[in-house]
Amino acid sequence: MHAPSNYLYLCLAVAFNVGAYAVFKSIAPREHDALWLALFAAGLALGGINTLFFTIAMREVPLSLAYPMFSGASIALIVLLSAVTFGEKVSATHLAGAATVALGIVLLSR
C-alpha cells in the first residue's frame, strides 16, 4: 500500500508542472526583455519544484504508476487551463484523448 502522502507529493508535482507551463504559455508572445527573463526563470523554478515533488512521490509509488498518473493529470489540467485561461478551443478529440489517458491510468493501476 502506498502512503497517502506520496500521492499528495504526486499531486503537488502535477500542480507545479501545470503552473510552469502556464507561465511559459503566458510569456510566449512577449518580447524577450527583463520581465520575460524573470518570468521564464519563475517557470523554470516551478518546473524544478515539480521534479522535486515527483522524485519524493516515487519513494513509494512505482514509476510505472506515478508517471502515467502525473502525465494524465497534467494533460487534463492543461486542457482545462488552456480553455479557461487562454481561451483555447477544446474539441471532442481533445476530450476523447484525455479520457483515453485516464482509462490507461486505470488499467495500469490494476
PDB file of N, CA and C in Angstrom:
ATOM      1  N   MET A   1       0.846  -1.187   0.000  1.00  0.00           N
ATOM      2  CA  MET A   1       0.000   0.000   0.000  1.00  0.00           C
ATOM      3  C   MET A   1       0.886   1.244   0.000  1.00  0.00           C
ATOM      4  N   HIS A   2       0.531   2.214  -0.813  1.00  0.00           N
ATOM      5  CA  HIS A   2       1.301   3.443  -0.915  1.00  0.00           C
ATOM      6  C   HIS A   2       0.766   4.459   0.080  1.00  0.00           C
ATOM      7  N   ALA A   3       1.679   5.122   0.775  1.00  0.00           N
ATOM      8  CA  ALA A   3       1.274   6.125   1.758  1.00  0.00           C
ATOM      9  C   ALA A   3       0.542   7.270   1.065  1.00  0.00           C
ATOM     10  N   PRO A   4      -0.534   7.772   1.675  1.00  0.00           N
ATOM     11  CA  PRO A   4      -1.279   8.883   1.067  1.00  0.00           C
ATOM     12  C   PRO A   4      -0.401  10.103   0.810  1.00  0.00           C
ATOM     13  N   SER A   5       0.604  10.324   1.653  1.00  0.00           N
ATOM     14  CA  SER A   5       1.461  11.497   1.461  1.00  0.00           C
ATOM     15  C   SER A   5       2.221  11.422   0.136  1.00  0.00           C
ATOM     16  N   ASN A   6       2.526  10.208  -0.327  1.00  0.00           N
ATOM     17  CA  ASN A   6       3.223  10.088  -1.600  1.00  0.00           C
ATOM     18  C   ASN A   6       2.329  10.540  -2.747  1.00  0.00           C
ATOM     19  N   TYR A   7       1.036  10.290  -2.629  1.00  0.00           N
ATOM     20  CA  TYR A   7       0.106  10.776  -3.647  1.00  0.00           C
ATOM     21  C   TYR A   7      -0.091  12.283  -3.534  1.00  0.00           C
ATOM     22  N   LEU A   8       0.037  12.821  -2.330  1.00  0.00           N
ATOM     23  CA  LEU A   8      -0.003  14.271  -2.171  1.00  0.00           C
ATOM     24  C   LEU A   8       1.178  14.894  -2.900  1.00  0.00           C
ATOM     25  N   TYR A   9       2.355  14.306  -2.738  1.00  0.00           N
ATOM     26  CA  TYR A   9       3.527  14.806  -3.453  1.00  0.00           C
ATOM     27  C   TYR A   9       3.332  14.698  -4.962  1.00  0.00           C
ATOM     28  N   LEU A  10       2.701  13.647  -5.413  1.00  0.00           N
ATOM     29  CA  LEU A  10       2.424  13.489  -6.839  1.00  0.00           C
ATOM     30  C   LEU A  10       1.465  14.585  -7.315  1.00  0.00           C
ATOM     31  N   CYS A  11       0.455  14.889  -6.512  1.00  0.00           N
ATOM     32  CA  CYS A  11      -0.485  15.971  -6.847  1.00  0.00           C
ATOM     33  C   CYS A  11       0.229  17.324  -6.886  1.00  0.00           C
ATOM     34  N   LEU A  12       1.118  17.538  -5.933  1.00  0.00           N
ATOM     35  CA  LEU A  12       1.884  18.793  -5.932  1.00  0.00           C
ATOM     36  C   LEU A  12       2.785  18.876  -7.165  1.00  0.00           C
ATOM     37  N   ALA A  13       3.366  17.763  -7.562  1.00  0.00           N
ATOM     38  CA  ALA A  13       4.190  17.744  -8.773  1.00  0.00           C
ATOM     39  C   ALA A  13       3.358  18.149  -9.978  1.00  0.00           C
ATOM     40  N   VAL A  14       2.142  17.625 -10.071  1.00  0.00           N
ATOM     41  CA  VAL A  14       1.248  17.978 -11.176  1.00  0.00           C
ATOM     42  C   VAL A  14       0.939  19.476 -11.142  1.00  0.00           C
ATOM     43  N   ALA A  15       0.600  19.982  -9.969  1.00  0.00           N
ATOM     44  CA  ALA A  15       0.247  21.401  -9.844  1.00  0.00           C
ATOM     45  C   ALA A  15       1.400  22.307 -10.283  1.00  0.00           C
ATOM     46  N   PHE A  16       2.611  21.991  -9.843  1.00  0.00           N
ATOM     47  CA  PHE A  16       3.753  22.820 -10.222  1.00  0.00           C
ATOM     48  C   PHE A  16       4.102  22.649 -11.703  1.00  0.00           C
ATOM     49  N   ASN A  17       3.897  21.466 -12.254  1.00  0.00           N
ATOM     50  CA  ASN A  17       4.111  21.247 -13.678  1.00  0.00           C
ATOM     51  C   ASN A  17       3.155  22.101 -14.503  1.00  0.00           C
ATOM     52  N   VAL A  18       1.886  22.048 -14.146  1.00  0.00           N
ATOM     53  CA  VAL A  18       0.878  22.839 -14.865  1.00  0.00           C
ATOM     54  C   VAL A  18       1.179  24.332 -14.711  1.00  0.00           C
ATOM     55  N   GLY A  19       1.564  24.734 -13.507  1.00  0.00           N
ATOM     56  CA  GLY A  19       1.922  26.140 -13.287  1.00  0.00           C
ATOM     57  C   GLY A  19       3.079  26.580 -14.160  1.00  0.00           C
ATOM     58  N   ALA A  20       4.093  25.730 -14.281  1.00  0.00           N
ATOM     59  CA  ALA A  20       5.249  26.067 -15.116  1.00  0.00           C
ATOM     60  C   ALA A  20       4.822  26.280 -16.565  1.00  0.00           C
ATOM     61  N   TYR A  21       4.002  25.367 -17.091  1.00  0.00           N
ATOM     62  CA  TYR A  21       3.584  25.511 -18.482  1.00  0.00           C
ATOM     63  C   TYR A  21       2.642  26.680 -18.683  1.00  0.00           C
ATOM     64  N   ALA A  22       1.867  27.038 -17.668  1.00  0.00           N
ATOM     65  CA  ALA A  22       1.014  28.228 -17.759  1.00  0.00           C
ATOM     66  C   ALA A  22       1.882  29.482 -17.864  1.00  0.00           C
ATOM     67  N   VAL A  23       2.957  29.519 -17.093  1.00  0.00           N
ATOM     68  CA  VAL A  23       3.878  30.654 -17.180  1.00  0.00           C
ATOM     69  C   VAL A  23       4.500  30.709 -18.570  1.00  0.00           C
ATOM     70  N   PHE A  24       4.960  29.566 -19.069  1.00  0.00           N
ATOM     71  CA  PHE A  24       5.591  29.551 -20.396  1.00  0.00           C
ATOM     72  C   PHE A  24       4.619  29.990 -21.489  1.00  0.00           C
ATOM     73  N   LYS A  25       3.377  29.544 -21.390  1.00  0.00           N
ATOM     74  CA  LYS A  25       2.369  29.948 -22.379  1.00  0.00           C
ATOM     75  C   LYS A  25       2.122  31.452 -22.307  1.00  0.00           C
ATOM     76  N   SER A  26       2.065  31.985 -21.082  1.00  0.00           N
ATOM     77  CA  SER A  26       1.762  33.406 -20.923  1.00  0.00           C
ATOM     78  C   SER A  26       2.882  34.302 -21.442  1.00  0.00           C
ATOM     79  N   ILE A  27       4.110  33.830 -21.433  1.00  0.00           N
ATOM     80  CA  ILE A  27       5.216  34.666 -21.906  1.00  0.00           C
ATOM     81  C   ILE A  27       5.583  34.392 -23.365  1.00  0.00           C
ATOM     82  N   ALA A  28       5.005  33.360 -23.960  1.00  0.00           N
ATOM     83  CA  ALA A  28       5.379  33.000 -25.333  1.00  0.00           C
ATOM     84  C   ALA A  28       5.279  34.172 -26.320  1.00  0.00           C
ATOM     85  N   PRO A  29       4.211  34.970 -26.285  1.00  0.00           N
ATOM     86  CA  PRO A  29       4.114  36.049 -27.269  1.00  0.00           C
ATOM     87  C   PRO A  29       4.881  37.323 -26.883  1.00  0.00           C
ATOM     88  N   ARG A  30       5.420  37.361 -25.682  1.00  0.00           N
ATOM     89  CA  ARG A  30       6.080  38.581 -25.191  1.00  0.00           C
ATOM     90  C   ARG A  30       7.453  38.781 -25.830  1.00  0.00           C
ATOM     91  N   GLU A  31       7.863  40.034 -25.837  1.00  0.00           N
ATOM     92  CA  GLU A  31       9.226  40.366 -26.246  1.00  0.00           C
ATOM     93  C   GLU A  31      10.185  39.833 -25.183  1.00  0.00           C
ATOM     94  N   HIS A  32      11.350  39.394 -25.606  1.00  0.00           N
ATOM     95  CA  HIS A  32      12.335  38.839 -24.677  1.00  0.00           C
ATOM     96  C   HIS A  32      13.101  39.963 -23.992  1.00  0.00           C
ATOM     97  N   ASP A  33      12.467  40.517 -22.967  1.00  0.00           N
ATOM     98  CA  ASP A  33      13.078  41.581 -22.187  1.00  0.00           C
ATOM     99  C   ASP A  33      13.357  41.087 -20.769  1.00  0.00           C
ATOM    100  N   ALA A  34      13.646  41.999 -19.857  1.00  0.00           N
ATOM    101  CA  ALA A  34      13.975  41.606 -18.482  1.00  0.00           C
ATOM    102  C   ALA A  34      12.783  40.938 -17.786  1.00  0.00           C
ATOM    103  N   LEU A  35      11.564  41.433 -18.015  1.00  0.00           N
ATOM    104  CA  LEU A  35      10.385  40.817 -17.405  1.00  0.00           C
ATOM    105  C   LEU A  35      10.181  39.409 -17.946  1.00  0.00           C
ATOM    106  N   TRP A  36      10.358  39.232 -19.249  1.00  0.00           N
ATOM    107  CA  TRP A  36      10.237  37.901 -19.851  1.00  0.00           C
ATOM    108  C   TRP A  36      11.237  36.947 -19.195  1.00  0.00           C
ATOM    109  N   LEU A  37      12.466  37.416 -19.042  1.00  0.00           N
ATOM    110  CA  LEU A  37      13.507  36.572 -18.450  1.00  0.00           C
ATOM    111  C   LEU A  37      13.161  36.198 -17.012  1.00  0.00           C
ATOM    112  N   ALA A  38      12.632  37.150 -16.247  1.00  0.00           N
ATOM    113  CA  ALA A  38      12.247  36.871 -14.863  1.00  0.00           C
ATOM    114  C   ALA A  38      11.108  35.853 -14.814  1.00  0.00           C
ATOM    115  N   LEU A  39      10.127  36.016 -15.682  1.00  0.00           N
ATOM    116  CA  LEU A  39       9.010  35.059 -15.722  1.00  0.00           C
ATOM    117  C   LEU A  39       9.467  33.691 -16.206  1.00  0.00           C
ATOM    118  N   PHE A  40      10.373  33.674 -17.171  1.00  0.00           N
ATOM    119  CA  PHE A  40      10.933  32.413 -17.653  1.00  0.00           C
ATOM    120  C   PHE A  40      11.656  31.697 -16.518  1.00  0.00           C
ATOM    121  N   ALA A  41      12.436  32.445 -15.743  1.00  0.00           N
ATOM    122  CA  ALA A  41      13.135  31.861 -14.596  1.00  0.00           C
ATOM    123  C   ALA A  41      12.131  31.325 -13.578  1.00  0.00           C
ATOM    124  N   ALA A  42      11.029  32.039 -13.377  1.00  0.00           N
ATOM    125  CA  ALA A  42       9.988  31.559 -12.460  1.00  0.00           C
ATOM    126  C   ALA A  42       9.394  30.249 -12.972  1.00  0.00           C
ATOM    127  N   GLY A  43       9.160  30.158 -14.281  1.00  0.00           N
ATOM    128  CA  GLY A  43       8.654  28.919 -14.871  1.00  0.00           C
ATOM    129  C   GLY A  43       9.631  27.766 -14.676  1.00  0.00           C
ATOM    130  N   LEU A  44      10.920  28.046 -14.852  1.00  0.00           N
ATOM    131  CA  LEU A  44      11.932  27.008 -14.621  1.00  0.00           C
ATOM    132  C   LEU A  44      11.948  26.576 -13.159  1.00  0.00           C
ATOM    133  N   ALA A  45      11.785  27.537 -12.253  1.00  0.00           N
ATOM    134  CA  ALA A  45      11.752  27.207 -10.825  1.00  0.00           C
ATOM    135  C   ALA A  45      10.548  26.322 -10.513  1.00  0.00           C
ATOM    136  N   LEU A  46       9.397  26.648 -11.073  1.00  0.00           N
ATOM    137  CA  LEU A  46       8.217  25.806 -10.871  1.00  0.00           C
ATOM    138  C   LEU A  46       8.470  24.398 -11.408  1.00  0.00           C
ATOM    139  N   GLY A  47       9.137  24.307 -12.550  1.00  0.00           N
ATOM    140  CA  GLY A  47       9.482  23.003 -13.105  1.00  0.00           C
ATOM    141  C   GLY A  47      10.436  22.231 -12.203  1.00  0.00           C
ATOM    142  N   GLY A  48      11.364  22.930 -11.587  1.00  0.00           N
ATOM    143  CA  GLY A  48      12.283  22.279 -10.658  1.00  0.00           C
ATOM    144  C   GLY A  48      11.569  21.761  -9.417  1.00  0.00           C
ATOM    145  N   ILE A  49      10.640  22.551  -8.904  1.00  0.00           N
ATOM    146  CA  ILE A  49       9.856  22.120  -7.742  1.00  0.00           C
ATOM    147  C   ILE A  49       9.007  20.909  -8.115  1.00  0.00           C
ATOM    148  N   ASN A  50       8.445  20.933  -9.317  1.00  0.00           N
ATOM    149  CA  ASN A  50       7.692  19.786  -9.831  1.00  0.00           C
ATOM    150  C   ASN A  50       8.550  18.535  -9.777  1.00  0.00           C
ATOM    151  N   THR A  51       9.776  18.624 -10.264  1.00  0.00           N
ATOM    152  CA  THR A  51      10.666  17.467 -10.296  1.00  0.00           C
ATOM    153  C   THR A  51      11.001  16.995  -8.882  1.00  0.00           C
ATOM    154  N   LEU A  52      11.204  17.930  -7.962  1.00  0.00           N
ATOM    155  CA  LEU A  52      11.470  17.564  -6.571  1.00  0.00           C
ATOM    156  C   LEU A  52      10.301  16.764  -5.994  1.00  0.00           C
ATOM    157  N   PHE A  53       9.076  17.267  -6.135  1.00  0.00           N
ATOM    158  CA  PHE A  53       7.919  16.561  -5.596  1.00  0.00           C
ATOM    159  C   PHE A  53       7.701  15.220  -6.287  1.00  0.00           C
ATOM    160  N   PHE A  54       7.934  15.159  -7.585  1.00  0.00           N
ATOM    161  CA  PHE A  54       7.772  13.900  -8.307  1.00  0.00           C
ATOM    162  C   PHE A  54       8.767  12.862  -7.792  1.00  0.00           C
ATOM    163  N   THR A  55       9.987  13.294  -7.561  1.00  0.00           N
ATOM    164  CA  THR A  55      11.018  12.392  -7.054  1.00  0.00           C
ATOM    165  C   THR A  55      10.662  11.875  -5.664  1.00  0.00           C
ATOM    166  N   ILE A  56      10.143  12.755  -4.809  1.00  0.00           N
ATOM    167  CA  ILE A  56       9.729  12.336  -3.470  1.00  0.00           C
ATOM    168  C   ILE A  56       8.588  11.318  -3.566  1.00  0.00           C
ATOM    169  N   ALA A  57       7.632  11.577  -4.445  1.00  0.00           N
ATOM    170  CA  ALA A  57       6.497  10.656  -4.614  1.00  0.00           C
ATOM    171  C   ALA A  57       6.976   9.268  -5.019  1.00  0.00           C
ATOM    172  N   MET A  58       8.019   9.211  -5.823  1.00  0.00           N
ATOM    173  CA  MET A  58       8.497   7.921  -6.317  1.00  0.00           C
ATOM    174  C   MET A  58       9.233   7.101  -5.269  1.00  0.00           C
ATOM    175  N   ARG A  59       9.386   7.618  -4.061  1.00  0.00           N
ATOM    176  CA  ARG A  59       9.957   6.800  -2.986  1.00  0.00           C
ATOM    177  C   ARG A  59       9.113   5.559  -2.764  1.00  0.00           C
ATOM    178  N   GLU A  60       7.801   5.714  -2.893  1.00  0.00           N
ATOM    179  CA  GLU A  60       6.878   4.607  -2.643  1.00  0.00           C
ATOM    180  C   GLU A  60       5.994   4.259  -3.837  1.00  0.00           C
ATOM    181  N   VAL A  61       5.729   5.223  -4.695  1.00  0.00           N
ATOM    182  CA  VAL A  61       4.845   4.973  -5.838  1.00  0.00           C
ATOM    183  C   VAL A  61       5.710   4.483  -7.001  1.00  0.00           C
ATOM    184  N   PRO A  62       5.414   3.321  -7.557  1.00  0.00           N
ATOM    185  CA  PRO A  62       6.211   2.815  -8.678  1.00  0.00           C
ATOM    186  C   PRO A  62       6.156   3.774  -9.878  1.00  0.00           C
ATOM    187  N   LEU A  63       7.269   3.898 -10.560  1.00  0.00           N
ATOM    188  CA  LEU A  63       7.342   4.762 -11.737  1.00  0.00           C
ATOM    189  C   LEU A  63       6.290   4.389 -12.767  1.00  0.00           C
ATOM    190  N   SER A  64       6.040   3.077 -12.905  1.00  0.00           N
ATOM    191  CA  SER A  64       5.064   2.612 -13.897  1.00  0.00           C
ATOM    192  C   SER A  64       3.649   3.094 -13.587  1.00  0.00           C
ATOM    193  N   LEU A  65       3.403   3.524 -12.375  1.00  0.00           N
ATOM    194  CA  LEU A  65       2.119   4.105 -11.989  1.00  0.00           C
ATOM    195  C   LEU A  65       2.227   5.619 -11.845  1.00  0.00           C
ATOM    196  N   ALA A  66       3.317   6.091 -11.252  1.00  0.00           N
ATOM    197  CA  ALA A  66       3.478   7.525 -10.996  1.00  0.00           C
ATOM    198  C   ALA A  66       3.502   8.333 -12.283  1.00  0.00           C
ATOM    199  N   TYR A  67       4.259   7.871 -13.277  1.00  0.00           N
ATOM    200  CA  TYR A  67       4.379   8.673 -14.499  1.00  0.00           C
ATOM    201  C   TYR A  67       3.062   8.762 -15.269  1.00  0.00           C
ATOM    202  N   PRO A  68       2.341   7.667 -15.484  1.00  0.00           N
ATOM    203  CA  PRO A  68       1.043   7.811 -16.162  1.00  0.00           C
ATOM    204  C   PRO A  68       0.066   8.694 -15.379  1.00  0.00           C
ATOM    205  N   MET A  69       0.056   8.577 -14.062  1.00  0.00           N
ATOM    206  CA  MET A  69      -0.831   9.428 -13.270  1.00  0.00           C
ATOM    207  C   MET A  69      -0.428  10.893 -13.410  1.00  0.00           C
ATOM    208  N   PHE A  70       0.858  11.158 -13.317  1.00  0.00           N
ATOM    209  CA  PHE A  70       1.386  12.512 -13.463  1.00  0.00           C
ATOM    210  C   PHE A  70       1.049  13.077 -14.844  1.00  0.00           C
ATOM    211  N   SER A  71       1.334  12.298 -15.864  1.00  0.00           N
ATOM    212  CA  SER A  71       1.093  12.756 -17.239  1.00  0.00           C
ATOM    213  C   SER A  71      -0.389  12.972 -17.504  1.00  0.00           C
ATOM    214  N   GLY A  72      -1.203  12.014 -17.108  1.00  0.00           N
ATOM    215  CA  GLY A  72      -2.639  12.114 -17.353  1.00  0.00           C
ATOM    216  C   GLY A  72      -3.262  13.290 -16.640  1.00  0.00           C
ATOM    217  N   ALA A  73      -2.912  13.466 -15.371  1.00  0.00           N
ATOM    218  CA  ALA A  73      -3.464  14.597 -14.619  1.00  0.00           C
ATOM    219  C   ALA A  73      -2.962  15.916 -15.192  1.00  0.00           C
ATOM    220  N   SER A  74      -1.697  15.958 -15.586  1.00  0.00           N
ATOM    221  CA  SER A  74      -1.155  17.178 -16.188  1.00  0.00           C
ATOM    222  C   SER A  74      -1.874  17.513 -17.489  1.00  0.00           C
ATOM    223  N   ILE A  75      -2.084  16.506 -18.320  1.00  0.00           N
ATOM    224  CA  ILE A  75      -2.779  16.726 -19.593  1.00  0.00           C
ATOM    225  C   ILE A  75      -4.189  17.244 -19.347  1.00  0.00           C
ATOM    226  N   ALA A  76      -4.918  16.587 -18.457  1.00  0.00           N
ATOM    227  CA  ALA A  76      -6.299  17.000 -18.190  1.00  0.00           C
ATOM    228  C   ALA A  76      -6.350  18.435 -17.673  1.00  0.00           C
ATOM    229  N   LEU A  77      -5.477  18.765 -16.736  1.00  0.00           N
ATOM    230  CA  LEU A  77      -5.491  20.118 -16.175  1.00  0.00           C
ATOM    231  C   LEU A  77      -5.021  21.164 -17.184  1.00  0.00           C
ATOM    232  N   ILE A  78      -4.062  20.813 -18.014  1.00  0.00           N
ATOM    233  CA  ILE A  78      -3.585  21.762 -19.022  1.00  0.00           C
ATOM    234  C   ILE A  78      -4.660  22.012 -20.080  1.00  0.00           C
ATOM    235  N   VAL A  79      -5.398  20.975 -20.461  1.00  0.00           N
ATOM    236  CA  VAL A  79      -6.511  21.169 -21.406  1.00  0.00           C
ATOM    237  C   VAL A  79      -7.530  22.128 -20.797  1.00  0.00           C
ATOM    238  N   LEU A  80      -7.878  21.898 -19.532  1.00  0.00           N
ATOM    239  CA  LEU A  80      -8.833  22.769 -18.847  1.00  0.00           C
ATOM    240  C   LEU A  80      -8.287  24.192 -18.711  1.00  0.00           C
ATOM    241  N   LEU A  81      -7.055  24.316 -18.253  1.00  0.00           N
ATOM    242  CA  LEU A  81      -6.435  25.623 -18.076  1.00  0.00           C
ATOM    243  C   LEU A  81      -6.333  26.386 -19.397  1.00  0.00           C
ATOM    244  N   SER A  82      -5.964  25.685 -20.454  1.00  0.00           N
ATOM    245  CA  SER A  82      -5.813  26.359 -21.743  1.00  0.00           C
ATOM    246  C   SER A  82      -7.141  26.912 -22.247  1.00  0.00           C
ATOM    247  N   ALA A  83      -8.224  26.200 -21.956  1.00  0.00           N
ATOM    248  CA  ALA A  83      -9.548  26.684 -22.366  1.00  0.00           C
ATOM    249  C   ALA A  83      -9.995  27.856 -21.502  1.00  0.00           C
ATOM    250  N   VAL A  84      -9.856  27.713 -20.197  1.00  0.00           N
ATOM    251  CA  VAL A  84     -10.372  28.726 -19.267  1.00  0.00           C
ATOM    252  C   VAL A  84      -9.498  29.979 -19.250  1.00  0.00           C
ATOM    253  N   THR A  85      -8.200  29.796 -19.175  1.00  0.00           N
ATOM    254  CA  THR A  85      -7.288  30.930 -19.003  1.00  0.00           C
ATOM    255  C   THR A  85      -6.862  31.560 -20.323  1.00  0.00           C
ATOM    256  N   PHE A  86      -6.608  30.729 -21.319  1.00  0.00           N
ATOM    257  CA  PHE A  86      -6.061  31.249 -22.569  1.00  0.00           C
ATOM    258  C   PHE A  86      -7.067  31.253 -23.714  1.00  0.00           C
ATOM    259  N   GLY A  87      -8.293  30.820 -23.450  1.00  0.00           N
ATOM    260  CA  GLY A  87      -9.342  30.843 -24.462  1.00  0.00           C
ATOM    261  C   GLY A  87      -9.114  29.893 -25.625  1.00  0.00           C
ATOM    262  N   GLU A  88      -8.334  28.852 -25.404  1.00  0.00           N
ATOM    263  CA  GLU A  88      -8.080  27.887 -26.476  1.00  0.00           C
ATOM    264  C   GLU A  88      -9.287  26.969 -26.634  1.00  0.00           C
ATOM    265  N   LYS A  89      -9.505  26.534 -27.855  1.00  0.00           N
ATOM    266  CA  LYS A  89     -10.627  25.652 -28.147  1.00  0.00           C
ATOM    267  C   LYS A  89     -10.320  24.230 -27.680  1.00  0.00           C
ATOM    268  N   VAL A  90     -11.285  23.614 -27.020  1.00  0.00           N
ATOM    269  CA  VAL A  90     -11.173  22.210 -26.604  1.00  0.00           C
ATOM    270  C   VAL A  90     -12.180  21.430 -27.435  1.00  0.00           C
ATOM    271  N   SER A  91     -11.675  20.560 -28.276  1.00  0.00           N
ATOM    272  CA  SER A  91     -12.537  19.804 -29.179  1.00  0.00           C
ATOM    273  C   SER A  91     -12.923  18.462 -28.566  1.00  0.00           C
ATOM    274  N   ALA A  92     -13.821  17.800 -29.221  1.00  0.00           N
ATOM    275  CA  ALA A  92     -14.214  16.453 -28.804  1.00  0.00           C
ATOM    276  C   ALA A  92     -13.008  15.511 -28.880  1.00  0.00           C
ATOM    277  N   THR A  93     -12.143  15.732 -29.830  1.00  0.00           N
ATOM    278  CA  THR A  93     -10.933  14.914 -29.953  1.00  0.00           C
ATOM    279  C   THR A  93     -10.038  15.101 -28.728  1.00  0.00           C
ATOM    280  N   HIS A  94      -9.900  16.347 -28.263  1.00  0.00           N
ATOM    281  CA  HIS A  94      -9.115  16.597 -27.046  1.00  0.00           C
ATOM    282  C   HIS A  94      -9.710  15.847 -25.855  1.00  0.00           C
ATOM    283  N   LEU A  95     -11.015  15.938 -25.724  1.00  0.00           N
ATOM    284  CA  LEU A  95     -11.686  15.266 -24.606  1.00  0.00           C
ATOM    285  C   LEU A  95     -11.551  13.752 -24.707  1.00  0.00           C
ATOM    286  N   ALA A  96     -11.664  13.218 -25.920  1.00  0.00           N
ATOM    287  CA  ALA A  96     -11.501  11.776 -26.120  1.00  0.00           C
ATOM    288  C   ALA A  96     -10.073  11.348 -25.774  1.00  0.00           C
ATOM    289  N   GLY A  97      -9.108  12.147 -26.142  1.00  0.00           N
ATOM    290  CA  GLY A  97      -7.714  11.844 -25.814  1.00  0.00           C
ATOM    291  C   GLY A  97      -7.481  11.840 -24.313  1.00  0.00           C
ATOM    292  N   ALA A  98      -8.030  12.838 -23.624  1.00  0.00           N
ATOM    293  CA  ALA A  98      -7.887  12.899 -22.165  1.00  0.00           C
ATOM    294  C   ALA A  98      -8.570  11.696 -21.511  1.00  0.00           C
ATOM    295  N   ALA A  99      -9.727  11.309 -22.025  1.00  0.00           N
ATOM    296  CA  ALA A  99     -10.435  10.143 -21.476  1.00  0.00           C
ATOM    297  C   ALA A  99      -9.638   8.866 -21.727  1.00  0.00           C
ATOM    298  N   THR A 100      -8.997   8.765 -22.865  1.00  0.00           N
ATOM    299  CA  THR A 100      -8.176   7.597 -23.184  1.00  0.00           C
ATOM    300  C   THR A 100      -6.991   7.494 -22.223  1.00  0.00           C
ATOM    301  N   VAL A 101      -6.373   8.633 -21.942  1.00  0.00           N
ATOM    302  CA  VAL A 101      -5.256   8.641 -20.984  1.00  0.00           C
ATOM    303  C   VAL A 101      -5.754   8.208 -19.611  1.00  0.00           C
ATOM    304  N   ALA A 102      -6.913   8.730 -19.191  1.00  0.00           N
ATOM    305  CA  ALA A 102      -7.477   8.362 -17.886  1.00  0.00           C
ATOM    306  C   ALA A 102      -7.755   6.855 -17.830  1.00  0.00           C
ATOM    307  N   LEU A 103      -8.300   6.311 -18.899  1.00  0.00           N
ATOM    308  CA  LEU A 103      -8.569   4.869 -18.946  1.00  0.00           C
ATOM    309  C   LEU A 103      -7.269   4.083 -18.851  1.00  0.00           C
ATOM    310  N   GLY A 104      -6.252   4.555 -19.523  1.00  0.00           N
ATOM    311  CA  GLY A 104      -4.940   3.897 -19.446  1.00  0.00           C
ATOM    312  C   GLY A 104      -4.392   3.880 -18.033  1.00  0.00           C
ATOM    313  N   ILE A 105      -4.587   4.979 -17.311  1.00  0.00           N
ATOM    314  CA  ILE A 105      -4.118   5.049 -15.928  1.00  0.00           C
ATOM    315  C   ILE A 105      -4.860   4.025 -15.069  1.00  0.00           C
ATOM    316  N   VAL A 106      -6.176   3.928 -15.267  1.00  0.00           N
ATOM    317  CA  VAL A 106      -6.966   2.950 -14.523  1.00  0.00           C
ATOM    318  C   VAL A 106      -6.456   1.541 -14.807  1.00  0.00           C
ATOM    319  N   LEU A 107      -6.206   1.244 -16.064  1.00  0.00           N
ATOM    320  CA  LEU A 107      -5.730  -0.100 -16.433  1.00  0.00           C
ATOM    321  C   LEU A 107      -4.338  -0.375 -15.864  1.00  0.00           C
ATOM    322  N   LEU A 108      -3.458   0.615 -15.876  1.00  0.00           N
ATOM    323  CA  LEU A 108      -2.107   0.433 -15.354  1.00  0.00           C
ATOM    324  C   LEU A 108      -2.087   0.263 -13.834  1.00  0.00           C
ATOM    325  N   SER A 109      -3.076   0.829 -13.162  1.00  0.00           N
ATOM    326  CA  SER A 109      -3.081   0.765 -11.698  1.00  0.00           C
ATOM    327  C   SER A 109      -3.666  -0.531 -11.160  1.00  0.00           C
ATOM    328  N   ARG A 110      -4.127  -1.402 -12.018  1.00  0.00           N
ATOM    329  CA  ARG A 110      -4.715  -2.680 -11.575  1.00  0.00           C
ATOM    330  C   ARG A 110      -3.688  -3.765 -11.484  1.00  0.00           C
TER     331      ARG A 110
END
